[in-house]
């Protein structure tokens, strides 16, 4: 499995709207084309792939994964294609008292780049994202 960081560098961009909720999906069946159906199918596959990758990320302060802690859910992953090639991540509205500040920090590309230069943080992230040992 490719690393999470590399996956997100190469992933189709994801973005929520200004209310931290997924973009509205068109429900007008009359105007749905085969291209729209194919695009929706591709986005659904991408959402499932992203979920499959991030669900096993471990909390740095606990032994459980984000999925085990109910921090993420498959229904909570939404992807939409954008022209600018940017990936934005938002926590679900109403799930944290400082959601706006968390969203701002996690989407600050310069702050993330600086953090990844810190060997201790890089090691912590590597530990939290390493694949689980399923061998007994």
N, C-alpha and C. Protein backbone atom coordinates (compact mmCIF):
# COMPACT_ATOMS: atom_id res chain seq x y z
N UNK A 1 0.86 -1.19 0.00
CA UNK A 1 0.00 0.00 0.00
C UNK A 1 0.89 1.24 0.00
N UNK A 2 0.54 2.20 -0.84
CA UNK A 2 1.31 3.44 -0.88
C UNK A 2 1.11 4.23 0.40
N UNK A 3 2.08 5.06 0.72
CA UNK A 3 1.98 5.83 1.95
C UNK A 3 0.81 6.81 1.87
N UNK A 4 0.28 7.17 3.01
CA UNK A 4 -0.85 8.10 3.06
C UNK A 4 -0.46 9.44 2.49
N UNK A 5 0.73 9.92 2.82
CA UNK A 5 1.17 11.22 2.33
C UNK A 5 1.23 11.20 0.80
N UNK A 6 1.83 10.16 0.22
CA UNK A 6 1.91 10.08 -1.24
C UNK A 6 0.53 9.95 -1.86
N UNK A 7 -0.36 9.22 -1.22
CA UNK A 7 -1.71 9.09 -1.76
C UNK A 7 -2.37 10.46 -1.87
N UNK A 8 -2.30 11.25 -0.80
CA UNK A 8 -2.96 12.54 -0.82
C UNK A 8 -2.28 13.53 -1.75
N UNK A 9 -0.97 13.37 -1.97
CA UNK A 9 -0.30 14.24 -2.94
C UNK A 9 -0.83 13.97 -4.34
N UNK A 10 -1.20 12.72 -4.61
CA UNK A 10 -1.63 12.34 -5.95
C UNK A 10 -3.14 12.20 -6.08
N UNK A 11 -3.88 12.37 -5.01
CA UNK A 11 -5.33 12.16 -5.03
C UNK A 11 -6.06 13.27 -5.76
N UNK A 12 -7.23 12.93 -6.22
CA UNK A 12 -8.12 13.95 -6.76
C UNK A 12 -8.50 14.85 -5.61
N UNK A 13 -8.52 16.16 -5.79
CA UNK A 13 -8.77 17.08 -4.69
C UNK A 13 -10.14 16.87 -4.04
N UNK A 14 -10.19 17.16 -2.75
CA UNK A 14 -11.45 17.10 -2.00
C UNK A 14 -11.68 18.44 -1.35
N UNK A 15 -12.92 18.86 -1.28
CA UNK A 15 -13.20 20.14 -0.65
C UNK A 15 -14.64 20.14 -0.14
N UNK A 16 -14.85 20.75 0.99
CA UNK A 16 -16.18 20.94 1.53
C UNK A 16 -16.61 22.36 1.18
N UNK A 17 -17.90 22.64 1.34
CA UNK A 17 -18.34 24.01 1.09
C UNK A 17 -18.12 24.85 2.34
N UNK A 18 -18.57 26.10 2.31
CA UNK A 18 -18.29 27.02 3.42
C UNK A 18 -18.91 26.58 4.74
N UNK A 19 -19.86 25.64 4.72
CA UNK A 19 -20.49 25.14 5.94
C UNK A 19 -19.87 23.84 6.42
N UNK A 20 -18.70 23.49 5.87
CA UNK A 20 -18.03 22.24 6.23
C UNK A 20 -18.91 21.03 5.99
N UNK A 21 -19.67 21.07 4.93
CA UNK A 21 -20.48 19.93 4.54
C UNK A 21 -20.19 19.63 3.09
N UNK A 22 -20.47 18.40 2.64
CA UNK A 22 -20.13 18.05 1.27
C UNK A 22 -20.92 18.88 0.27
N UNK A 23 -20.35 19.08 -0.91
CA UNK A 23 -21.07 19.81 -1.94
C UNK A 23 -22.37 19.10 -2.28
N UNK A 24 -23.38 19.88 -2.61
CA UNK A 24 -24.66 19.30 -2.99
C UNK A 24 -24.50 18.51 -4.27
N UNK A 25 -25.12 17.34 -4.32
CA UNK A 25 -25.06 16.53 -5.52
C UNK A 25 -26.34 16.72 -6.32
N UNK A 26 -26.19 16.81 -7.62
CA UNK A 26 -27.35 17.01 -8.48
C UNK A 26 -28.25 15.79 -8.45
N UNK A 27 -29.54 16.02 -8.34
CA UNK A 27 -30.50 14.93 -8.28
C UNK A 27 -31.43 14.93 -9.49
N UNK A 28 -31.20 15.79 -10.45
CA UNK A 28 -32.04 15.90 -11.61
C UNK A 28 -31.71 14.77 -12.58
N UNK A 29 -32.53 13.71 -12.58
CA UNK A 29 -32.25 12.54 -13.40
C UNK A 29 -32.32 12.86 -14.88
N UNK A 30 -33.14 13.82 -15.28
CA UNK A 30 -33.29 14.14 -16.68
C UNK A 30 -32.00 14.67 -17.29
N UNK A 31 -31.22 15.42 -16.52
CA UNK A 31 -30.00 16.01 -17.04
C UNK A 31 -28.77 15.16 -16.76
N UNK A 32 -28.93 13.99 -16.15
CA UNK A 32 -27.80 13.12 -15.85
C UNK A 32 -27.34 12.43 -17.12
N UNK A 33 -26.06 12.62 -17.43
CA UNK A 33 -25.49 11.99 -18.61
C UNK A 33 -24.65 10.80 -18.20
N UNK A 34 -24.23 10.03 -19.18
CA UNK A 34 -23.36 8.89 -18.87
C UNK A 34 -22.03 9.39 -18.31
N UNK A 35 -21.58 10.57 -18.76
CA UNK A 35 -20.36 11.15 -18.20
C UNK A 35 -20.54 11.50 -16.72
N UNK A 36 -21.72 12.04 -16.37
CA UNK A 36 -22.02 12.35 -14.97
C UNK A 36 -22.04 11.08 -14.13
N UNK A 37 -22.65 10.04 -14.65
CA UNK A 37 -22.73 8.77 -13.92
C UNK A 37 -21.34 8.19 -13.71
N UNK A 38 -20.49 8.27 -14.74
CA UNK A 38 -19.13 7.76 -14.64
C UNK A 38 -18.33 8.58 -13.63
N UNK A 39 -18.50 9.90 -13.66
CA UNK A 39 -17.80 10.78 -12.71
C UNK A 39 -18.24 10.44 -11.28
N UNK A 40 -19.54 10.27 -11.06
CA UNK A 40 -20.04 9.93 -9.73
C UNK A 40 -19.50 8.59 -9.26
N UNK A 41 -19.40 7.63 -10.18
CA UNK A 41 -18.85 6.31 -9.85
C UNK A 41 -17.38 6.45 -9.44
N UNK A 42 -16.62 7.23 -10.20
CA UNK A 42 -15.21 7.43 -9.88
C UNK A 42 -15.03 8.13 -8.54
N UNK A 43 -15.87 9.13 -8.27
CA UNK A 43 -15.78 9.84 -6.99
C UNK A 43 -16.12 8.91 -5.83
N UNK A 44 -17.11 8.05 -6.00
CA UNK A 44 -17.50 7.10 -4.94
C UNK A 44 -16.34 6.13 -4.67
N UNK A 45 -15.70 5.66 -5.72
CA UNK A 45 -14.54 4.77 -5.55
C UNK A 45 -13.42 5.50 -4.83
N UNK A 46 -13.18 6.75 -5.19
CA UNK A 46 -12.14 7.54 -4.52
C UNK A 46 -12.47 7.76 -3.05
N UNK A 47 -13.73 8.05 -2.75
CA UNK A 47 -14.14 8.22 -1.35
C UNK A 47 -13.88 6.95 -0.56
N UNK A 48 -14.23 5.80 -1.13
CA UNK A 48 -14.01 4.52 -0.46
C UNK A 48 -12.52 4.24 -0.27
N UNK A 49 -11.72 4.59 -1.27
CA UNK A 49 -10.27 4.38 -1.18
C UNK A 49 -9.66 5.26 -0.09
N UNK A 50 -10.06 6.52 -0.05
CA UNK A 50 -9.56 7.42 0.98
C UNK A 50 -9.94 6.90 2.37
N UNK A 51 -11.17 6.49 2.52
CA UNK A 51 -11.61 5.95 3.81
C UNK A 51 -10.79 4.72 4.20
N UNK A 52 -10.58 3.82 3.24
CA UNK A 52 -9.81 2.60 3.53
C UNK A 52 -8.39 2.93 3.99
N UNK A 53 -7.83 4.03 3.49
CA UNK A 53 -6.47 4.41 3.88
C UNK A 53 -6.46 5.10 5.25
N UNK A 54 -7.37 6.04 5.48
CA UNK A 54 -7.29 6.81 6.72
C UNK A 54 -7.91 6.11 7.92
N UNK A 55 -8.72 5.10 7.70
CA UNK A 55 -9.37 4.44 8.84
C UNK A 55 -8.39 3.75 9.78
N UNK A 56 -7.22 3.35 9.27
CA UNK A 56 -6.23 2.66 10.09
C UNK A 56 -5.19 3.58 10.71
N UNK A 57 -5.33 4.89 10.51
CA UNK A 57 -4.41 5.84 11.16
C UNK A 57 -4.66 5.76 12.66
N UNK A 58 -3.59 5.68 13.42
CA UNK A 58 -3.71 5.55 14.88
C UNK A 58 -3.62 6.91 15.55
N UNK A 59 -4.38 7.06 16.61
CA UNK A 59 -4.30 8.25 17.45
C UNK A 59 -2.93 8.23 18.14
N UNK A 60 -2.20 9.35 18.15
CA UNK A 60 -0.87 9.33 18.77
C UNK A 60 -0.89 9.11 20.27
N UNK A 61 -2.04 9.33 20.91
CA UNK A 61 -2.12 9.18 22.36
C UNK A 61 -2.87 7.94 22.81
N UNK A 62 -3.36 7.15 21.84
CA UNK A 62 -4.13 5.96 22.17
C UNK A 62 -3.72 4.83 21.22
N UNK A 63 -3.98 3.60 21.59
CA UNK A 63 -3.63 2.49 20.70
C UNK A 63 -4.65 2.26 19.58
N UNK A 64 -5.83 2.89 19.68
CA UNK A 64 -6.89 2.64 18.70
C UNK A 64 -6.70 3.44 17.42
N UNK A 65 -7.35 2.95 16.36
CA UNK A 65 -7.35 3.67 15.08
C UNK A 65 -8.45 4.72 15.10
N UNK A 66 -8.41 5.61 14.11
CA UNK A 66 -9.45 6.63 14.00
C UNK A 66 -10.82 5.99 13.80
N UNK A 67 -10.86 4.87 13.08
CA UNK A 67 -12.13 4.16 12.89
C UNK A 67 -12.62 3.58 14.22
N UNK A 68 -11.74 2.96 14.96
CA UNK A 68 -12.13 2.36 16.25
C UNK A 68 -12.60 3.42 17.24
N UNK A 69 -12.06 4.62 17.14
CA UNK A 69 -12.45 5.72 18.02
C UNK A 69 -13.68 6.47 17.50
N UNK A 70 -14.22 6.02 16.37
CA UNK A 70 -15.37 6.66 15.73
C UNK A 70 -15.10 8.13 15.38
N UNK A 71 -13.83 8.41 15.05
CA UNK A 71 -13.45 9.76 14.64
C UNK A 71 -13.80 9.96 13.17
N UNK A 72 -13.72 8.90 12.39
CA UNK A 72 -14.06 8.97 10.98
C UNK A 72 -15.10 7.91 10.65
N UNK A 73 -15.82 8.14 9.57
CA UNK A 73 -16.77 7.15 9.06
C UNK A 73 -16.76 7.23 7.55
N UNK A 74 -17.13 6.14 6.92
CA UNK A 74 -17.15 6.12 5.45
C UNK A 74 -18.11 7.18 4.91
N UNK A 75 -19.21 7.39 5.61
CA UNK A 75 -20.20 8.37 5.18
C UNK A 75 -19.68 9.80 5.30
N UNK A 76 -18.63 9.99 6.08
CA UNK A 76 -18.08 11.32 6.31
C UNK A 76 -17.01 11.75 5.32
N UNK A 77 -16.67 10.88 4.38
CA UNK A 77 -15.65 11.22 3.38
C UNK A 77 -16.35 11.65 2.11
N UNK A 78 -16.09 12.88 1.68
CA UNK A 78 -16.71 13.43 0.47
C UNK A 78 -15.62 14.02 -0.42
N UNK A 79 -15.73 13.76 -1.70
CA UNK A 79 -14.73 14.21 -2.66
C UNK A 79 -15.44 14.92 -3.81
N UNK A 80 -14.85 16.02 -4.24
CA UNK A 80 -15.32 16.69 -5.47
C UNK A 80 -14.12 17.17 -6.25
N UNK A 81 -14.22 17.15 -7.54
CA UNK A 81 -13.10 17.57 -8.38
C UNK A 81 -13.05 19.07 -8.47
N UNK A 82 -11.84 19.60 -8.38
CA UNK A 82 -11.61 21.03 -8.49
C UNK A 82 -10.54 21.29 -9.52
N UNK A 83 -10.49 22.50 -10.02
CA UNK A 83 -9.52 22.84 -11.05
C UNK A 83 -8.15 23.21 -10.49
N UNK A 84 -8.08 23.65 -9.25
CA UNK A 84 -6.82 24.18 -8.73
C UNK A 84 -5.89 23.12 -8.13
N UNK A 85 -6.29 21.87 -8.12
CA UNK A 85 -5.43 20.81 -7.62
C UNK A 85 -5.15 20.86 -6.14
N UNK A 86 -6.05 21.39 -5.36
CA UNK A 86 -5.86 21.55 -3.92
C UNK A 86 -6.68 20.51 -3.16
N UNK A 87 -6.12 20.04 -2.07
CA UNK A 87 -6.81 19.12 -1.18
C UNK A 87 -7.10 19.85 0.11
N UNK A 88 -8.36 20.00 0.46
CA UNK A 88 -8.75 20.63 1.72
C UNK A 88 -9.43 19.58 2.58
N UNK A 89 -9.16 19.64 3.88
CA UNK A 89 -9.71 18.68 4.84
C UNK A 89 -10.48 19.47 5.88
N UNK A 90 -11.69 19.02 6.20
CA UNK A 90 -12.50 19.68 7.21
C UNK A 90 -13.06 18.64 8.17
N UNK A 91 -13.10 19.01 9.45
CA UNK A 91 -13.78 18.14 10.40
C UNK A 91 -15.27 18.44 10.32
N UNK A 92 -16.06 17.48 10.69
CA UNK A 92 -17.51 17.62 10.59
C UNK A 92 -18.00 18.73 11.51
N UNK A 93 -18.86 19.57 10.97
CA UNK A 93 -19.41 20.68 11.74
C UNK A 93 -20.15 20.15 12.97
N UNK A 94 -19.89 20.80 14.11
CA UNK A 94 -20.56 20.43 15.35
C UNK A 94 -19.87 19.34 16.14
N UNK A 95 -18.73 18.83 15.65
CA UNK A 95 -18.06 17.74 16.37
C UNK A 95 -16.94 18.21 17.28
N UNK A 96 -16.59 19.47 17.20
CA UNK A 96 -15.51 19.98 18.04
C UNK A 96 -15.75 21.46 18.31
N UNK A 97 -15.47 21.88 19.53
CA UNK A 97 -15.74 23.27 19.91
C UNK A 97 -14.85 24.28 19.18
N UNK A 98 -13.69 23.83 18.71
CA UNK A 98 -12.79 24.73 17.99
C UNK A 98 -12.62 24.28 16.54
N UNK A 99 -13.69 23.83 15.92
CA UNK A 99 -13.62 23.29 14.55
C UNK A 99 -13.03 24.28 13.56
N UNK A 100 -13.42 25.54 13.64
CA UNK A 100 -12.90 26.52 12.68
C UNK A 100 -11.38 26.65 12.80
N UNK A 101 -10.87 26.69 14.02
CA UNK A 101 -9.42 26.81 14.22
C UNK A 101 -8.71 25.54 13.75
N UNK A 102 -9.27 24.38 14.02
CA UNK A 102 -8.66 23.12 13.56
C UNK A 102 -8.64 23.08 12.04
N UNK A 103 -9.75 23.44 11.41
CA UNK A 103 -9.81 23.44 9.95
C UNK A 103 -8.77 24.39 9.36
N UNK A 104 -8.62 25.54 9.97
CA UNK A 104 -7.64 26.53 9.49
C UNK A 104 -6.22 25.96 9.61
N UNK A 105 -5.90 25.35 10.75
CA UNK A 105 -4.56 24.82 10.98
C UNK A 105 -4.25 23.65 10.05
N UNK A 106 -5.18 22.72 9.91
CA UNK A 106 -4.90 21.52 9.12
C UNK A 106 -4.80 21.81 7.63
N UNK A 107 -5.37 22.94 7.19
CA UNK A 107 -5.31 23.31 5.77
C UNK A 107 -4.27 24.38 5.48
N UNK A 108 -3.46 24.72 6.48
CA UNK A 108 -2.37 25.69 6.30
C UNK A 108 -1.16 24.93 5.75
N UNK A 109 -0.99 24.98 4.43
CA UNK A 109 0.05 24.19 3.77
C UNK A 109 1.45 24.54 4.25
N UNK A 110 1.72 25.81 4.54
CA UNK A 110 3.04 26.20 5.03
C UNK A 110 3.30 25.63 6.42
N UNK A 111 2.28 25.64 7.26
CA UNK A 111 2.42 25.10 8.61
C UNK A 111 2.67 23.59 8.56
N UNK A 112 1.96 22.89 7.68
CA UNK A 112 2.15 21.44 7.53
C UNK A 112 3.55 21.14 7.01
N UNK A 113 4.01 21.92 6.01
CA UNK A 113 5.35 21.71 5.46
C UNK A 113 6.41 21.92 6.54
N UNK A 114 6.25 22.95 7.35
CA UNK A 114 7.20 23.22 8.43
C UNK A 114 7.17 22.09 9.46
N UNK A 115 6.00 21.60 9.78
CA UNK A 115 5.89 20.51 10.76
C UNK A 115 6.58 19.25 10.25
N UNK A 116 6.47 19.00 8.94
CA UNK A 116 7.08 17.79 8.38
C UNK A 116 8.61 17.88 8.34
N UNK A 117 9.17 19.06 8.55
CA UNK A 117 10.61 19.21 8.64
C UNK A 117 11.13 18.83 10.02
N UNK A 118 10.24 18.75 11.00
CA UNK A 118 10.61 18.38 12.37
C UNK A 118 10.72 16.86 12.44
N UNK A 119 11.93 16.32 12.71
CA UNK A 119 12.10 14.86 12.71
C UNK A 119 11.24 14.15 13.74
N UNK A 120 10.99 14.77 14.88
CA UNK A 120 10.15 14.13 15.90
C UNK A 120 8.70 14.01 15.43
N UNK A 121 8.18 15.07 14.82
CA UNK A 121 6.81 15.00 14.29
C UNK A 121 6.71 14.03 13.12
N UNK A 122 7.73 14.04 12.27
CA UNK A 122 7.74 13.13 11.12
C UNK A 122 7.73 11.68 11.60
N UNK A 123 8.50 11.40 12.66
CA UNK A 123 8.53 10.04 13.22
C UNK A 123 7.18 9.67 13.85
N UNK A 124 6.55 10.62 14.54
CA UNK A 124 5.25 10.37 15.14
C UNK A 124 4.21 10.08 14.06
N UNK A 125 4.22 10.86 12.99
CA UNK A 125 3.27 10.64 11.90
C UNK A 125 3.52 9.29 11.25
N UNK A 126 4.78 8.93 11.04
CA UNK A 126 5.10 7.63 10.46
C UNK A 126 4.59 6.50 11.34
N UNK A 127 4.74 6.66 12.65
CA UNK A 127 4.28 5.62 13.58
C UNK A 127 2.75 5.50 13.55
N UNK A 128 2.06 6.63 13.47
CA UNK A 128 0.60 6.62 13.47
C UNK A 128 0.02 6.12 12.15
N UNK A 129 0.80 6.17 11.09
CA UNK A 129 0.29 5.78 9.78
C UNK A 129 0.86 4.47 9.26
N UNK A 130 1.72 3.81 10.06
CA UNK A 130 2.26 2.54 9.57
C UNK A 130 1.16 1.50 9.53
N UNK A 131 1.31 0.59 8.59
CA UNK A 131 0.29 -0.44 8.43
C UNK A 131 0.28 -1.34 9.66
N UNK A 132 -0.93 -1.76 10.08
CA UNK A 132 -1.01 -2.63 11.25
C UNK A 132 -0.36 -3.98 10.95
N UNK A 133 0.23 -4.56 11.97
CA UNK A 133 0.84 -5.88 11.84
C UNK A 133 -0.24 -6.92 12.04
N UNK A 134 -0.68 -7.52 10.95
CA UNK A 134 -1.75 -8.50 11.03
C UNK A 134 -1.23 -9.93 11.21
N UNK A 135 0.07 -10.07 11.32
CA UNK A 135 0.63 -11.41 11.49
C UNK A 135 0.64 -11.75 12.98
N UNK A 136 0.41 -12.99 13.25
CA UNK A 136 0.39 -13.46 14.66
C UNK A 136 1.49 -14.43 14.92
